[in-house]
Amino acid sequence: MATSWRDSRVLVGKLLHQTHEAGLHTPIICVGRPSPGDPDILPVPPNGPPVVLGAGLEPGMVESLVSLVAAEIRDIESIVTHCGGIPRIPEPPLNYALAFGRRLPIEQRLALARIDGQAVTRNRFESVSQLFVDGIGLLEAYDDAMVSSTAAEAHPSISTLRQLTVRWPGFADGVRMLHRLGLLSDEEIEIGSVRLQVKEVTEALLCRQSPNDDGDQVVLVIAIEDRQGRVGRWTCILRSELQERGISSMAIATAVPVAAAVECVTRQQLRGPIHPGKAALADVAAIALEQLRRSRIAVLAERASGLLETSTILGAGHAKTKDTTRGERTSKPGTADLP
């Protein structure tokens, strides 16, 4: 179900009821996931059909990558992830275009993080920091994607665990200004014979259903530090090779982890609710990355440094780039050049 939890909640409930009544063991895979504190999280019985709540890029792939890193490297003190789909060229006024899904990611809600062993809550778009990515430039990032089960339960030995979303600079400021002006309120206004919420009108004016001709790109960054102060970083830029056919980078980066999650759930014969960060899905990232590296649907530019240079999953020896002179894929040892 490649849609938000809000839109898929009712359908998931119906499918669960039908599969239970029919005695079927049919996996249900959701790209969307319950928001932190959502009172309507479905009470899926532990021995019932497997329901993956968050199996796309973020959540899903990101949590799986964290699980893989945590399994390979001992004594990790901090893991901070950055993830986001952005236009290759910023597009005013928000420097963003909707490459996947149906709604702009501008809802004002609480974000979660674990810092120094404590689960903390902060307002989305408020804790903005800067991130420089070779080949792209300066981006902004803010706590956004962590779910309550990850903050409270996943990898308890890791003192600091954060999931940040990346955008071109100016996005967070623009969203905050819209909120301060009341342009994202639930208040209804009358337009002709139709009553609409103010936020619906604003979103309709700002929403661009697809990036410009330059397309979009997905940025993934994992930064770690161990208890001896040693650091490591893995950066991956994914760009669709099918942009001319209307398939965005964001769609590919979401769909491939979903396929990997389906493979894991069916192979391991899992049951009950499966939230992001669960150890059972730790091999989703390995499967998804291998599929992407071997495929012709996307180009991955990867670079690993420090502690992550020796990671069997994220090490730079896995990096594949495109030889533009001959149009062939090559696998280069060491560090791949980012575009």
C-alpha atoms as a PDB file:
ATOM      1  CA  MET A   1       0.000   0.000   0.000  1.00  0.00           C
ATOM      2  CA  ALA A   2       1.978   2.937  -1.304  1.00  0.00           C
ATOM      3  CA  THR A   3       0.098   5.610   0.586  1.00  0.00           C
ATOM      4  CA  SER A   4      -0.044   7.251   3.980  1.00  0.00           C
ATOM      5  CA  TRP A   5      -1.195   5.411   7.102  1.00  0.00           C
ATOM      6  CA  ARG A   6      -4.104   7.847   7.303  1.00  0.00           C
ATOM      7  CA  ASP A   7      -5.334   6.723   3.891  1.00  0.00           C
ATOM      8  CA  SER A   8      -4.642   3.003   4.322  1.00  0.00           C
ATOM      9  CA  ARG A   9      -5.845   2.494   7.920  1.00  0.00           C
ATOM     10  CA  VAL A  10      -9.406   1.462   7.065  1.00  0.00           C
ATOM     11  CA  LEU A  11      -8.344  -0.835   4.234  1.00  0.00           C
ATOM     12  CA  VAL A  12      -5.755  -2.556   6.426  1.00  0.00           C
ATOM     13  CA  GLY A  13      -8.459  -3.220   9.041  1.00  0.00           C
ATOM     14  CA  LYS A  14     -10.767  -4.748   6.455  1.00  0.00           C
ATOM     15  CA  LEU A  15      -8.038  -6.933   5.006  1.00  0.00           C
ATOM     16  CA  LEU A  16      -7.040  -8.157   8.459  1.00  0.00           C
ATOM     17  CA  HIS A  17     -10.629  -9.083   9.259  1.00  0.00           C
ATOM     18  CA  GLN A  18     -11.108 -10.900   5.956  1.00  0.00           C
ATOM     19  CA  THR A  19      -7.857 -12.855   6.154  1.00  0.00           C
ATOM     20  CA  HIS A  20      -8.616 -13.834   9.759  1.00  0.00           C
ATOM     21  CA  GLU A  21     -12.121 -15.009   8.846  1.00  0.00           C
ATOM     22  CA  ALA A  22     -10.775 -16.991   5.893  1.00  0.00           C
ATOM     23  CA  GLY A  23      -7.901 -18.486   7.880  1.00  0.00           C
ATOM     24  CA  LEU A  24      -5.340 -17.054   5.451  1.00  0.00           C
ATOM     25  CA  HIS A  25      -1.747 -16.113   6.203  1.00  0.00           C
ATOM     26  CA  THR A  26      -1.525 -13.225   3.741  1.00  0.00           C
ATOM     27  CA  PRO A  27       1.163 -10.615   4.386  1.00  0.00           C
ATOM     28  CA  ILE A  28       0.075  -6.962   4.366  1.00  0.00           C
ATOM     29  CA  ILE A  29       2.881  -4.546   3.536  1.00  0.00           C
ATOM     30  CA  CYS A  30       2.365  -0.826   4.262  1.00  0.00           C
ATOM     31  CA  VAL A  31       4.602   1.956   3.034  1.00  0.00           C
ATOM     32  CA  GLY A  32       2.810   4.303   5.427  1.00  0.00           C
ATOM     33  CA  ARG A  33       3.025   3.784   9.163  1.00  0.00           C
ATOM     34  CA  PRO A  34       1.171   4.976  12.273  1.00  0.00           C
ATOM     35  CA  SER A  35       2.224   8.389  13.519  1.00  0.00           C
ATOM     36  CA  PRO A  36       3.799   8.560  16.984  1.00  0.00           C
ATOM     37  CA  GLY A  37       1.017   8.303  19.579  1.00  0.00           C
ATOM     38  CA  ASP A  38      -1.620   7.368  16.995  1.00  0.00           C
ATOM     39  CA  PRO A  39      -4.521   5.875  19.046  1.00  0.00           C
ATOM     40  CA  ASP A  40      -5.727   3.878  16.058  1.00  0.00           C
ATOM     41  CA  ILE A  41      -2.743   1.571  15.682  1.00  0.00           C
ATOM     42  CA  LEU A  42      -4.393  -1.693  14.839  1.00  0.00           C
ATOM     43  CA  PRO A  43      -4.300  -4.413  17.535  1.00  0.00           C
ATOM     44  CA  VAL A  44      -2.840  -7.068  15.266  1.00  0.00           C
ATOM     45  CA  PRO A  45      -2.736 -10.409  17.115  1.00  0.00           C
ATOM     46  CA  PRO A  46       0.828 -11.739  17.546  1.00  0.00           C
ATOM     47  CA  ASN A  47      -0.054 -14.976  15.757  1.00  0.00           C
ATOM     48  CA  GLY A  48      -2.112 -13.273  13.063  1.00  0.00           C
ATOM     49  CA  PRO A  49      -1.183 -12.395   9.489  1.00  0.00           C
ATOM     50  CA  PRO A  50       2.079 -10.433   9.203  1.00  0.00           C
ATOM     51  CA  VAL A  51       1.477  -6.687   8.890  1.00  0.00           C
ATOM     52  CA  VAL A  52       4.563  -4.601   8.131  1.00  0.00           C
ATOM     53  CA  LEU A  53       3.878  -1.066   9.336  1.00  0.00           C
ATOM     54  CA  GLY A  54       6.391   0.988   7.373  1.00  0.00           C
ATOM     55  CA  ALA A  55       8.244  -0.894   4.639  1.00  0.00           C
ATOM     56  CA  GLY A  56       9.342   1.757   2.173  1.00  0.00           C
ATOM     57  CA  LEU A  57      12.347   4.028   2.170  1.00  0.00           C
ATOM     58  CA  GLU A  58      11.782   6.000   5.373  1.00  0.00           C
ATOM     59  CA  PRO A  59      10.565   4.259   7.470  1.00  0.00           C
ATOM     60  CA  GLY A  60      11.673   0.797   6.408  1.00  0.00           C
ATOM     61  CA  MET A  61      14.946   0.892   4.500  1.00  0.00           C
ATOM     62  CA  VAL A  62      16.551   3.383   6.890  1.00  0.00           C
ATOM     63  CA  GLU A  63      15.749   1.330  10.003  1.00  0.00           C
ATOM     64  CA  SER A  64      16.984  -1.800   8.250  1.00  0.00           C
ATOM     65  CA  LEU A  65      20.285  -0.093   7.423  1.00  0.00           C
ATOM     66  CA  VAL A  66      20.667   0.916  11.065  1.00  0.00           C
ATOM     67  CA  SER A  67      20.084  -2.696  12.144  1.00  0.00           C
ATOM     68  CA  LEU A  68      22.752  -3.932   9.734  1.00  0.00           C
ATOM     69  CA  VAL A  69      25.311  -1.381  10.932  1.00  0.00           C
ATOM     70  CA  ALA A  70      24.531  -2.163  14.573  1.00  0.00           C
ATOM     71  CA  ALA A  71      25.011  -5.883  13.922  1.00  0.00           C
ATOM     72  CA  GLU A  72      28.396  -5.409  12.233  1.00  0.00           C
ATOM     73  CA  ILE A  73      30.075  -2.770  14.394  1.00  0.00           C
ATOM     74  CA  ARG A  74      30.404  -3.087  18.159  1.00  0.00           C
ATOM     75  CA  ASP A  75      30.177  -0.414  20.857  1.00  0.00           C
ATOM     76  CA  ILE A  76      28.289   2.160  18.789  1.00  0.00           C
ATOM     77  CA  GLU A  77      27.529   5.318  20.747  1.00  0.00           C
ATOM     78  CA  SER A  78      25.615   7.244  18.082  1.00  0.00           C
ATOM     79  CA  ILE A  79      23.865   6.626  14.761  1.00  0.00           C
ATOM     80  CA  VAL A  80      22.375   9.571  12.862  1.00  0.00           C
ATOM     81  CA  THR A  81      20.660   8.968   9.526  1.00  0.00           C
ATOM     82  CA  HIS A  82      19.720  11.486   6.852  1.00  0.00           C
ATOM     83  CA  CYS A  83      17.256  10.599   4.121  1.00  0.00           C
ATOM     84  CA  GLY A  84      15.200  12.516   1.585  1.00  0.00           C
ATOM     85  CA  GLY A  85      13.940  12.767  -1.965  1.00  0.00           C
ATOM     86  CA  ILE A  86      14.650  16.189  -3.466  1.00  0.00           C
ATOM     87  CA  PRO A  87      14.543  17.786  -6.930  1.00  0.00           C
ATOM     88  CA  ARG A  88      17.884  17.827  -8.686  1.00  0.00           C
ATOM     89  CA  ILE A  89      17.380  21.580  -9.015  1.00  0.00           C
ATOM     90  CA  PRO A  90      15.578  23.513  -6.222  1.00  0.00           C
ATOM     91  CA  GLU A  91      12.113  24.712  -7.219  1.00  0.00           C
ATOM     92  CA  PRO A  92      10.676  27.805  -5.489  1.00  0.00           C
ATOM     93  CA  PRO A  93       8.832  28.642  -3.332  1.00  0.00           C
ATOM     94  CA  LEU A  94       9.596  25.591  -1.136  1.00  0.00           C
ATOM     95  CA  ASN A  95      12.484  24.213  -3.221  1.00  0.00           C
ATOM     96  CA  TYR A  96      10.577  20.950  -3.341  1.00  0.00           C
ATOM     97  CA  ALA A  97       8.391  18.972  -5.729  1.00  0.00           C
ATOM     98  CA  LEU A  98       6.125  16.027  -5.004  1.00  0.00           C
ATOM     99  CA  ALA A  99       7.930  13.072  -6.559  1.00  0.00           C
ATOM    100  CA  PHE A 100       6.008  10.382  -4.668  1.00  0.00           C
ATOM    101  CA  GLY A 101       2.716  10.225  -2.805  1.00  0.00           C
ATOM    102  CA  ARG A 102      -0.248  12.600  -2.873  1.00  0.00           C
ATOM    103  CA  ARG A 103       0.388  15.154  -0.118  1.00  0.00           C
ATOM    104  CA  LEU A 104       3.168  17.603   0.567  1.00  0.00           C
ATOM    105  CA  PRO A 105       5.168  16.641   3.698  1.00  0.00           C
ATOM    106  CA  ILE A 106       4.308  19.868   5.545  1.00  0.00           C
ATOM    107  CA  GLU A 107       2.052  18.676   8.354  1.00  0.00           C
ATOM    108  CA  GLN A 108       2.992  20.233  11.697  1.00  0.00           C
ATOM    109  CA  ARG A 109       3.521  17.371  14.149  1.00  0.00           C
ATOM    110  CA  LEU A 110       5.892  16.155  16.807  1.00  0.00           C
ATOM    111  CA  ALA A 111       9.122  14.413  15.907  1.00  0.00           C
ATOM    112  CA  LEU A 112      11.014  11.873  18.003  1.00  0.00           C
ATOM    113  CA  ALA A 113      14.679  11.209  18.670  1.00  0.00           C
ATOM    114  CA  ARG A 114      16.823   9.379  21.221  1.00  0.00           C
ATOM    115  CA  ILE A 115      19.590  11.537  22.647  1.00  0.00           C
ATOM    116  CA  ASP A 116      21.970  10.445  25.419  1.00  0.00           C
ATOM    117  CA  GLY A 117      19.759   7.466  26.173  1.00  0.00           C
ATOM    118  CA  GLN A 118      16.547   9.485  26.502  1.00  0.00           C
ATOM    119  CA  ALA A 119      13.610   9.575  24.067  1.00  0.00           C
ATOM    120  CA  VAL A 120      12.951  13.243  23.324  1.00  0.00           C
ATOM    121  CA  THR A 121      10.136  15.018  21.511  1.00  0.00           C
ATOM    122  CA  ARG A 122      10.566  18.134  19.425  1.00  0.00           C
ATOM    123  CA  ASN A 123       8.537  20.034  16.860  1.00  0.00           C
ATOM    124  CA  ARG A 124       9.037  19.019  13.262  1.00  0.00           C
ATOM    125  CA  PHE A 125      10.881  21.703  11.196  1.00  0.00           C
ATOM    126  CA  GLU A 126      12.312  23.331  14.357  1.00  0.00           C
ATOM    127  CA  SER A 127      15.606  21.486  14.923  1.00  0.00           C
ATOM    128  CA  VAL A 128      17.129  22.393  11.546  1.00  0.00           C
ATOM    129  CA  SER A 129      20.807  21.633  10.907  1.00  0.00           C
ATOM    130  CA  GLN A 130      23.024  21.743   7.827  1.00  0.00           C
ATOM    131  CA  LEU A 131      24.467  18.835   5.855  1.00  0.00           C
ATOM    132  CA  PHE A 132      26.976  19.060   3.021  1.00  0.00           C
ATOM    133  CA  VAL A 133      26.886  16.231   0.480  1.00  0.00           C
ATOM    134  CA  ASP A 134      29.599  15.975  -2.179  1.00  0.00           C
ATOM    135  CA  GLY A 135      28.096  16.179  -5.631  1.00  0.00           C
ATOM    136  CA  ILE A 136      24.940  17.902  -4.416  1.00  0.00           C
ATOM    137  CA  GLY A 137      25.895  20.741  -2.099  1.00  0.00           C
ATOM    138  CA  LEU A 138      24.487  22.183   1.101  1.00  0.00           C
ATOM    139  CA  LEU A 139      21.222  20.706   2.376  1.00  0.00           C
ATOM    140  CA  GLU A 140      19.151  21.206   5.523  1.00  0.00           C
ATOM    141  CA  ALA A 141      17.959  18.454   7.848  1.00  0.00           C
ATOM    142  CA  TYR A 142      15.490  18.107  10.715  1.00  0.00           C
ATOM    143  CA  ASP A 143      14.240  15.338  13.026  1.00  0.00           C
ATOM    144  CA  ASP A 144      11.233  13.830  11.327  1.00  0.00           C
ATOM    145  CA  ALA A 145      10.920  10.141  10.610  1.00  0.00           C
ATOM    146  CA  MET A 146      11.434   8.174  13.828  1.00  0.00           C
ATOM    147  CA  VAL A 147       8.437   6.246  15.127  1.00  0.00           C
ATOM    148  CA  SER A 148       7.634   5.636  18.785  1.00  0.00           C
ATOM    149  CA  SER A 149       8.559   1.939  18.691  1.00  0.00           C
ATOM    150  CA  THR A 150      12.007   2.779  17.276  1.00  0.00           C
ATOM    151  CA  ALA A 151      12.666   5.521  19.821  1.00  0.00           C
ATOM    152  CA  ALA A 152      11.660   3.347  22.760  1.00  0.00           C
ATOM    153  CA  GLU A 153      12.766  -0.159  21.794  1.00  0.00           C
ATOM    154  CA  ALA A 154      15.197  -0.376  18.871  1.00  0.00           C
ATOM    155  CA  HIS A 155      18.884  -0.932  19.693  1.00  0.00           C
ATOM    156  CA  PRO A 156      18.739   0.126  23.355  1.00  0.00           C
ATOM    157  CA  SER A 157      22.543  -0.071  23.696  1.00  0.00           C
ATOM    158  CA  ILE A 158      22.947   2.867  21.276  1.00  0.00           C
ATOM    159  CA  SER A 159      22.798   6.066  23.307  1.00  0.00           C
ATOM    160  CA  THR A 160      21.913   8.482  20.488  1.00  0.00           C
ATOM    161  CA  LEU A 161      19.699   7.476  17.579  1.00  0.00           C
ATOM    162  CA  ARG A 162      18.236  10.069  15.230  1.00  0.00           C
ATOM    163  CA  GLN A 163      16.454  10.011  11.865  1.00  0.00           C
ATOM    164  CA  LEU A 164      16.574  13.272   9.939  1.00  0.00           C
ATOM    165  CA  THR A 165      14.890  14.246   6.692  1.00  0.00           C
ATOM    166  CA  VAL A 166      16.877  16.292   4.176  1.00  0.00           C
ATOM    167  CA  ARG A 167      15.639  19.088   1.914  1.00  0.00           C
ATOM    168  CA  TRP A 168      17.122  21.967  -0.020  1.00  0.00           C
ATOM    169  CA  PRO A 169      17.723  24.995   2.238  1.00  0.00           C
ATOM    170  CA  GLY A 170      14.619  27.150   2.716  1.00  0.00           C
ATOM    171  CA  PHE A 171      12.052  24.359   2.934  1.00  0.00           C
ATOM    172  CA  ALA A 172      11.696  24.363   6.728  1.00  0.00           C
ATOM    173  CA  ASP A 173      11.593  28.170   6.902  1.00  0.00           C
ATOM    174  CA  GLY A 174       8.907  28.241   4.226  1.00  0.00           C
ATOM    175  CA  VAL A 175       6.737  25.687   6.033  1.00  0.00           C
ATOM    176  CA  ARG A 176       7.112  27.489   9.375  1.00  0.00           C
ATOM    177  CA  MET A 177       6.052  30.757   7.733  1.00  0.00           C
ATOM    178  CA  LEU A 178       2.961  29.114   6.232  1.00  0.00           C
ATOM    179  CA  HIS A 179       1.981  27.866   9.684  1.00  0.00           C
ATOM    180  CA  ARG A 180       2.555  31.262  11.315  1.00  0.00           C
ATOM    181  CA  LEU A 181       0.376  32.940   8.688  1.00  0.00           C
ATOM    182  CA  GLY A 182      -2.435  30.456   9.328  1.00  0.00           C
ATOM    183  CA  LEU A 183      -2.260  29.120   5.794  1.00  0.00           C
ATOM    184  CA  LEU A 184      -2.085  25.515   6.975  1.00  0.00           C
ATOM    185  CA  SER A 185      -5.007  25.666   9.414  1.00  0.00           C
ATOM    186  CA  ASP A 186      -8.021  23.356   9.495  1.00  0.00           C
ATOM    187  CA  GLU A 187     -10.399  26.314   9.315  1.00  0.00           C
ATOM    188  CA  GLU A 188     -12.921  26.067   6.494  1.00  0.00           C
ATOM    189  CA  ILE A 189     -13.521  28.772   3.919  1.00  0.00           C
ATOM    190  CA  GLU A 190     -16.139  28.995   1.198  1.00  0.00           C
ATOM    191  CA  ILE A 191     -14.986  29.115  -2.408  1.00  0.00           C
ATOM    192  CA  GLY A 192     -17.987  29.395  -4.673  1.00  0.00           C
ATOM    193  CA  SER A 193     -20.302  26.593  -3.625  1.00  0.00           C
ATOM    194  CA  VAL A 194     -17.539  24.514  -2.026  1.00  0.00           C
ATOM    195  CA  ARG A 195     -16.203  24.619   1.528  1.00  0.00           C
ATOM    196  CA  LEU A 196     -12.551  23.740   1.859  1.00  0.00           C
ATOM    197  CA  GLN A 197     -10.003  23.814   4.640  1.00  0.00           C
ATOM    198  CA  VAL A 198      -7.449  26.601   4.339  1.00  0.00           C
ATOM    199  CA  LYS A 199      -4.618  24.049   4.273  1.00  0.00           C
ATOM    200  CA  GLU A 200      -6.249  22.243   1.339  1.00  0.00           C
ATOM    201  CA  VAL A 201      -6.240  25.447  -0.715  1.00  0.00           C
ATOM    202  CA  THR A 202      -2.636  26.245   0.223  1.00  0.00           C
ATOM    203  CA  GLU A 203      -1.450  22.761  -0.616  1.00  0.00           C
ATOM    204  CA  ALA A 204      -3.272  22.802  -3.962  1.00  0.00           C
ATOM    205  CA  LEU A 205      -1.485  26.047  -4.860  1.00  0.00           C
ATOM    206  CA  LEU A 206       1.943  24.763  -3.814  1.00  0.00           C
ATOM    207  CA  CYS A 207       1.723  21.130  -4.846  1.00  0.00           C
ATOM    208  CA  ARG A 208       3.600  20.124  -7.957  1.00  0.00           C
ATOM    209  CA  GLN A 209       2.851  16.531  -8.834  1.00  0.00           C
ATOM    210  CA  SER A 210       6.247  15.839 -10.366  1.00  0.00           C
ATOM    211  CA  PRO A 211       9.707  17.380 -10.496  1.00  0.00           C
ATOM    212  CA  ASN A 212      10.817  19.435 -13.476  1.00  0.00           C
ATOM    213  CA  ASP A 213      12.595  17.926 -16.458  1.00  0.00           C
ATOM    214  CA  ASP A 214      15.784  17.513 -14.438  1.00  0.00           C
ATOM    215  CA  GLY A 215      14.044  14.958 -12.201  1.00  0.00           C
ATOM    216  CA  ASP A 216      14.608  14.064  -8.583  1.00  0.00           C
ATOM    217  CA  GLN A 217      17.238  12.278  -6.530  1.00  0.00           C
ATOM    218  CA  VAL A 218      17.328  10.386  -3.232  1.00  0.00           C
ATOM    219  CA  VAL A 219      19.984  11.099  -0.619  1.00  0.00           C
ATOM    220  CA  LEU A 220      20.893   8.558   2.073  1.00  0.00           C
ATOM    221  CA  VAL A 221      23.560   9.281   4.695  1.00  0.00           C
ATOM    222  CA  ILE A 222      24.480   7.251   7.781  1.00  0.00           C
ATOM    223  CA  ALA A 223      26.918   8.740  10.309  1.00  0.00           C
ATOM    224  CA  ILE A 224      28.141   6.706  13.286  1.00  0.00           C
ATOM    225  CA  GLU A 225      30.463   7.156  16.258  1.00  0.00           C
ATOM    226  CA  ASP A 226      31.668   4.437  18.604  1.00  0.00           C
ATOM    227  CA  ARG A 227      32.491   4.696  22.307  1.00  0.00           C
ATOM    228  CA  GLN A 228      36.171   5.324  21.514  1.00  0.00           C
ATOM    229  CA  GLY A 229      35.261   8.406  19.476  1.00  0.00           C
ATOM    230  CA  ARG A 230      35.947   6.812  16.095  1.00  0.00           C
ATOM    231  CA  VAL A 231      33.556   7.857  13.335  1.00  0.00           C
ATOM    232  CA  GLY A 232      32.247   6.497  10.066  1.00  0.00           C
ATOM    233  CA  ARG A 233      30.003   7.712   7.289  1.00  0.00           C
ATOM    234  CA  TRP A 234      28.234   6.183   4.295  1.00  0.00           C
ATOM    235  CA  THR A 235      26.661   8.357   1.611  1.00  0.00           C
ATOM    236  CA  CYS A 236      24.486   7.148  -1.236  1.00  0.00           C
ATOM    237  CA  ILE A 237      22.840   9.166  -4.007  1.00  0.00           C
ATOM    238  CA  LEU A 238      20.217   7.310  -6.053  1.00  0.00           C
ATOM    239  CA  ARG A 239      18.958   8.606  -9.392  1.00  0.00           C
ATOM    240  CA  SER A 240      16.319   6.993 -11.565  1.00  0.00           C
ATOM    241  CA  GLU A 241      17.260   5.749 -15.013  1.00  0.00           C
ATOM    242  CA  LEU A 242      13.536   5.680 -15.873  1.00  0.00           C
ATOM    243  CA  GLN A 243      12.776   9.359 -15.325  1.00  0.00           C
ATOM    244  CA  GLU A 244      11.689   9.820 -18.953  1.00  0.00           C
ATOM    245  CA  ARG A 245       9.098   7.077 -18.417  1.00  0.00           C
ATOM    246  CA  GLY A 246       7.655   8.909 -15.424  1.00  0.00           C
ATOM    247  CA  ILE A 247       9.276   6.750 -12.725  1.00  0.00           C
ATOM    248  CA  SER A 248      10.935   8.989 -10.154  1.00  0.00           C
ATOM    249  CA  SER A 249      13.983   8.209  -8.038  1.00  0.00           C
ATOM    250  CA  MET A 250      11.776   8.407  -4.951  1.00  0.00           C
ATOM    251  CA  ALA A 251       9.377   5.806  -6.363  1.00  0.00           C
ATOM    252  CA  ILE A 252      12.227   3.381  -7.055  1.00  0.00           C
ATOM    253  CA  ALA A 253      13.831   3.953  -3.652  1.00  0.00           C
ATOM    254  CA  THR A 254      10.478   3.204  -2.014  1.00  0.00           C
ATOM    255  CA  ALA A 255       9.335   0.276  -4.146  1.00  0.00           C
ATOM    256  CA  VAL A 256      12.535  -1.795  -4.028  1.00  0.00           C
ATOM    257  CA  PRO A 257      12.610  -1.981  -0.182  1.00  0.00           C
ATOM    258  CA  VAL A 258       8.919  -2.956  -0.267  1.00  0.00           C
ATOM    259  CA  ALA A 259       9.758  -5.878  -2.561  1.00  0.00           C
ATOM    260  CA  ALA A 260      12.628  -6.816  -0.235  1.00  0.00           C
ATOM    261  CA  ALA A 261      10.274  -6.688   2.770  1.00  0.00           C
ATOM    262  CA  VAL A 262       7.822  -9.004   1.009  1.00  0.00           C
ATOM    263  CA  GLU A 263      10.656 -11.459   0.349  1.00  0.00           C
ATOM    264  CA  CYS A 264      11.808 -11.355   3.986  1.00  0.00           C
ATOM    265  CA  VAL A 265       8.333 -11.737   5.480  1.00  0.00           C
ATOM    266  CA  THR A 266       7.401 -14.686   3.293  1.00  0.00           C
ATOM    267  CA  ARG A 267      10.767 -16.443   3.562  1.00  0.00           C
ATOM    268  CA  GLN A 268      10.934 -16.097   7.340  1.00  0.00           C
ATOM    269  CA  GLN A 269       7.186 -16.863   7.737  1.00  0.00           C
ATOM    270  CA  LEU A 270       6.719 -13.966  10.135  1.00  0.00           C
ATOM    271  CA  ARG A 271       3.473 -13.277  11.974  1.00  0.00           C
ATOM    272  CA  GLY A 272       1.792 -10.373  13.719  1.00  0.00           C
ATOM    273  CA  PRO A 273       2.665  -6.660  13.631  1.00  0.00           C
ATOM    274  CA  ILE A 274       6.161  -5.734  12.442  1.00  0.00           C
ATOM    275  CA  HIS A 275       7.202  -2.156  13.163  1.00  0.00           C
ATOM    276  CA  PRO A 276      10.241  -0.395  11.662  1.00  0.00           C
ATOM    277  CA  GLY A 277      13.454  -1.325  13.416  1.00  0.00           C
ATOM    278  CA  LYS A 278      12.469  -4.908  14.210  1.00  0.00           C
ATOM    279  CA  ALA A 279      15.398  -7.302  13.942  1.00  0.00           C
ATOM    280  CA  ALA A 280      13.339  -9.658  11.778  1.00  0.00           C
ATOM    281  CA  LEU A 281      13.622  -7.223   8.880  1.00  0.00           C
ATOM    282  CA  ALA A 282      17.339  -6.509   9.279  1.00  0.00           C
ATOM    283  CA  ASP A 283      18.179  -8.088   5.926  1.00  0.00           C
ATOM    284  CA  VAL A 284      15.744  -5.884   3.977  1.00  0.00           C
ATOM    285  CA  ALA A 285      18.475  -3.313   3.313  1.00  0.00           C
ATOM    286  CA  ALA A 286      20.972  -5.938   2.166  1.00  0.00           C
ATOM    287  CA  ILE A 287      18.477  -7.389  -0.314  1.00  0.00           C
ATOM    288  CA  ALA A 288      17.293  -3.977  -1.531  1.00  0.00           C
ATOM    289  CA  LEU A 289      20.797  -2.570  -2.008  1.00  0.00           C
ATOM    290  CA  GLU A 290      21.950  -5.656  -3.892  1.00  0.00           C
ATOM    291  CA  GLN A 291      18.894  -5.460  -6.170  1.00  0.00           C
ATOM    292  CA  LEU A 292      19.535  -1.779  -6.843  1.00  0.00           C
ATOM    293  CA  ARG A 293      23.246  -2.275  -7.471  1.00  0.00           C
ATOM    294  CA  ARG A 294      22.572  -5.040 -10.004  1.00  0.00           C
ATOM    295  CA  SER A 295      19.606  -3.402 -11.719  1.00  0.00           C
ATOM    296  CA  ARG A 296      19.353  -1.031 -14.636  1.00  0.00           C
ATOM    297  CA  ILE A 297      16.568   1.048 -13.104  1.00  0.00           C
ATOM    298  CA  ALA A 298      18.776   3.386 -11.085  1.00  0.00           C
ATOM    299  CA  VAL A 299      22.340   4.612 -10.664  1.00  0.00           C
ATOM    300  CA  LEU A 300      23.808   4.538  -7.173  1.00  0.00           C
ATOM    301  CA  ALA A 301      26.800   6.692  -6.257  1.00  0.00           C
ATOM    302  CA  GLU A 302      28.195   5.476  -2.922  1.00  0.00           C
ATOM    303  CA  ARG A 303      31.026   6.473  -0.657  1.00  0.00           C
ATOM    304  CA  ALA A 304      32.049   4.988   2.688  1.00  0.00           C
ATOM    305  CA  SER A 305      34.626   6.366   5.108  1.00  0.00           C
ATOM    306  CA  GLY A 306      36.017   5.632   8.568  1.00  0.00           C
ATOM    307  CA  LEU A 307      34.425   2.752  10.439  1.00  0.00           C
ATOM    308  CA  LEU A 308      31.982   2.095   7.595  1.00  0.00           C
ATOM    309  CA  GLU A 309      34.739   1.488   5.036  1.00  0.00           C
ATOM    310  CA  THR A 310      35.018  -2.059   6.326  1.00  0.00           C
ATOM    311  CA  SER A 311      31.274  -2.735   6.526  1.00  0.00           C
ATOM    312  CA  THR A 312      30.386  -5.745   4.394  1.00  0.00           C
ATOM    313  CA  ILE A 313      27.103  -4.089   3.449  1.00  0.00           C
ATOM    314  CA  LEU A 314      28.036  -0.414   3.070  1.00  0.00           C
ATOM    315  CA  GLY A 315      31.749  -0.641   2.294  1.00  0.00           C
ATOM    316  CA  ALA A 316      32.962   1.294  -0.734  1.00  0.00           C
ATOM    317  CA  GLY A 317      33.914  -1.938  -2.485  1.00  0.00           C
ATOM    318  CA  HIS A 318      30.219  -2.381  -3.246  1.00  0.00           C
ATOM    319  CA  ALA A 319      29.969   0.939  -5.074  1.00  0.00           C
ATOM    320  CA  LYS A 320      28.796   0.897  -8.677  1.00  0.00           C
ATOM    321  CA  THR A 321      28.957   3.800 -11.021  1.00  0.00           C
ATOM    322  CA  LYS A 322      28.007   4.401 -14.610  1.00  0.00           C
ATOM    323  CA  ASP A 323      30.728   4.678 -17.240  1.00  0.00           C
ATOM    324  CA  THR A 324      29.327   7.565 -19.264  1.00  0.00           C
ATOM    325  CA  THR A 325      31.760   7.070 -22.131  1.00  0.00           C
ATOM    326  CA  ARG A 326      30.492   3.582 -22.958  1.00  0.00           C
ATOM    327  CA  GLY A 327      27.172   3.583 -21.124  1.00  0.00           C
ATOM    328  CA  GLU A 328      28.175   0.508 -19.099  1.00  0.00           C
ATOM    329  CA  ARG A 329      27.988  -0.257 -15.411  1.00  0.00           C
ATOM    330  CA  THR A 330      31.267  -0.778 -13.646  1.00  0.00           C
ATOM    331  CA  SER A 331      32.122  -1.890 -10.144  1.00  0.00           C
ATOM    332  CA  LYS A 332      35.073   0.050  -8.763  1.00  0.00           C
ATOM    333  CA  PRO A 333      37.121  -0.921  -5.723  1.00  0.00           C
ATOM    334  CA  GLY A 334      37.668   1.708  -3.069  1.00  0.00           C
ATOM    335  CA  THR A 335      35.678   4.924  -3.116  1.00  0.00           C
ATOM    336  CA  ALA A 336      33.187   5.641  -5.882  1.00  0.00           C
ATOM    337  CA  ASP A 337      33.093   9.179  -7.225  1.00  0.00           C
ATOM    338  CA  LEU A 338      29.845  10.930  -6.439  1.00  0.00           C
ATOM    339  CA  PRO A 339      28.296  12.788  -9.388  1.00  0.00           C
END
